[in-house]
Each structure stands twice: as C-alpha cells, then as structure tokens.
Protein backbone atom coordinates (compact mmCIF):
# COMPACT_ATOMS: atom_id res chain seq x y z
CA MET A 1 -6.13 11.96 5.99
CA LYS A 2 -8.06 10.21 3.54
CA ARG A 3 -5.32 9.22 0.99
CA LEU A 4 -3.35 7.94 3.75
CA LEU A 5 -5.83 5.69 4.80
CA ILE A 6 -6.23 4.52 0.99
CA GLY A 7 -2.47 3.91 1.04
CA ILE A 8 -2.66 1.90 4.12
CA ILE A 9 -5.06 -0.48 2.90
CA ILE A 10 -3.56 -0.90 -0.32
CA GLY A 11 -0.23 -1.67 1.64
CA ILE A 12 -2.08 -4.08 3.78
CA SER A 13 -3.29 -5.64 0.92
CA TYR A 14 0.39 -6.33 -1.13
CA VAL A 15 1.35 -8.63 2.01
CA ILE A 16 -2.02 -10.64 2.22
CA PRO A 17 -1.92 -13.73 0.01
CA GLY A 18 -4.68 -13.85 -2.54
CA VAL A 19 -5.91 -10.37 -2.41
CA CYS A 20 -4.91 -8.38 -5.54
CA SER A 21 -3.43 -5.35 -4.57
CA VAL A 22 -4.18 -3.50 -7.66
CA THR A 23 -8.11 -4.61 -7.56
CA THR A 24 -7.79 -2.37 -4.30
CA ALA A 25 -6.25 0.57 -5.79
CA LYS A 26 -8.75 0.34 -8.59
CA SER A 27 -11.52 0.48 -6.22
CA PHE A 28 -10.36 3.25 -4.17
CA ASN A 29 -9.58 4.98 -7.59
CA ALA A 30 -5.64 5.29 -6.89
CA TYR A 31 -4.54 2.89 -9.85
CA GLU A 32 -3.38 5.74 -12.01
CA ASN A 33 -1.90 7.68 -9.14
CA LEU A 34 0.24 4.60 -9.04
CA LEU A 35 1.30 4.42 -12.66
CA GLU A 36 2.19 8.08 -12.13
CA ILE A 37 4.54 7.51 -9.03
CA PHE A 38 6.07 4.32 -10.89
CA SER A 39 6.05 5.55 -13.90
CA ASN A 40 8.07 8.57 -12.63
CA PHE A 41 9.66 8.10 -9.97
CA TYR A 42 12.45 10.40 -10.55
CA ASN A 43 10.11 13.27 -10.95
CA LEU A 44 10.06 14.95 -7.33
CA ARG A 45 6.76 16.94 -8.18
CA ILE A 46 4.63 13.88 -8.69
CA ILE A 47 6.52 12.55 -5.57
CA LYS A 48 5.59 15.63 -3.49
CA ARG A 49 2.18 15.35 -4.46
CA ASN A 50 1.50 11.68 -3.74
CA ILE A 51 3.78 11.28 -0.38
CA LEU A 52 0.69 10.75 1.76
CA LEU A 53 -0.15 7.97 -0.65
CA ILE A 54 3.63 6.35 -0.80
CA THR A 55 3.79 6.65 2.96
CA GLY A 56 0.25 4.80 3.71
CA ILE A 57 1.38 2.01 1.47
CA ILE A 58 4.63 1.39 3.40
CA ILE A 59 3.08 1.98 6.79
CA GLY A 60 0.71 -0.69 5.56
CA ILE A 61 3.16 -2.97 3.98
CA LEU A 62 4.81 -2.81 7.62
CA ILE A 63 1.19 -3.60 9.68
CA GLY A 64 0.45 -6.33 7.13
CA LEU A 65 4.17 -7.96 7.64
CA ILE A 66 3.62 -7.50 11.38
CA MET A 67 0.23 -8.91 11.47
CA PHE A 68 1.26 -12.06 9.15
CA ILE A 69 4.45 -12.56 11.10
CA ALA A 70 2.38 -13.01 14.39
CA LEU A 71 -0.34 -15.04 13.02
CA SER A 72 2.22 -17.29 11.37
CA ASP A 73 3.70 -17.67 14.96
CA ASN A 74 0.48 -18.63 16.63
CA LEU A 75 0.05 -21.46 13.84
CA TRP A 76 3.28 -23.19 15.07
CA ILE A 77 2.56 -23.32 18.54
C-alpha cells in the first residue's frame, strides 16, 4: 500500500510543470526501483516485484491529467 501511494505521488509529479519527478522519486527512495524497471522492462520478475509502484505511477499520471484539465478549463471561463 505504501508503494502504491508513493507511485501516485510520483505520477502526479510527472504531470505538474516545474516539479521534477526524479527529485520526488529520490526523496521517497524509489529512484533505484524506477531505474531497475526501465532498464529491464522485459524482465517479468522485476515487473511483478514492482507492480504496485508501476500501478501507482499510472494512477498518479491519470489523476494529474484530470486535475490539470479541470484547472485549465476553469482558467478559460
């Protein structure tokens, strides 16, 4: 559950302009896991071990996009 929450926070930081997602990942000690995932993306054992982090990042990106669209829609009214 903790890794899922960390993944959501990192995913949201991917979308927010001016916020470095690498710095966010480093602050939660998840940067090494992300390097491992992206360097060995074809290895299913690594994917299974980090599935909560990957799922959290995807959910966080979707939440960030929805928030960004909602905020930009209100700016144009």
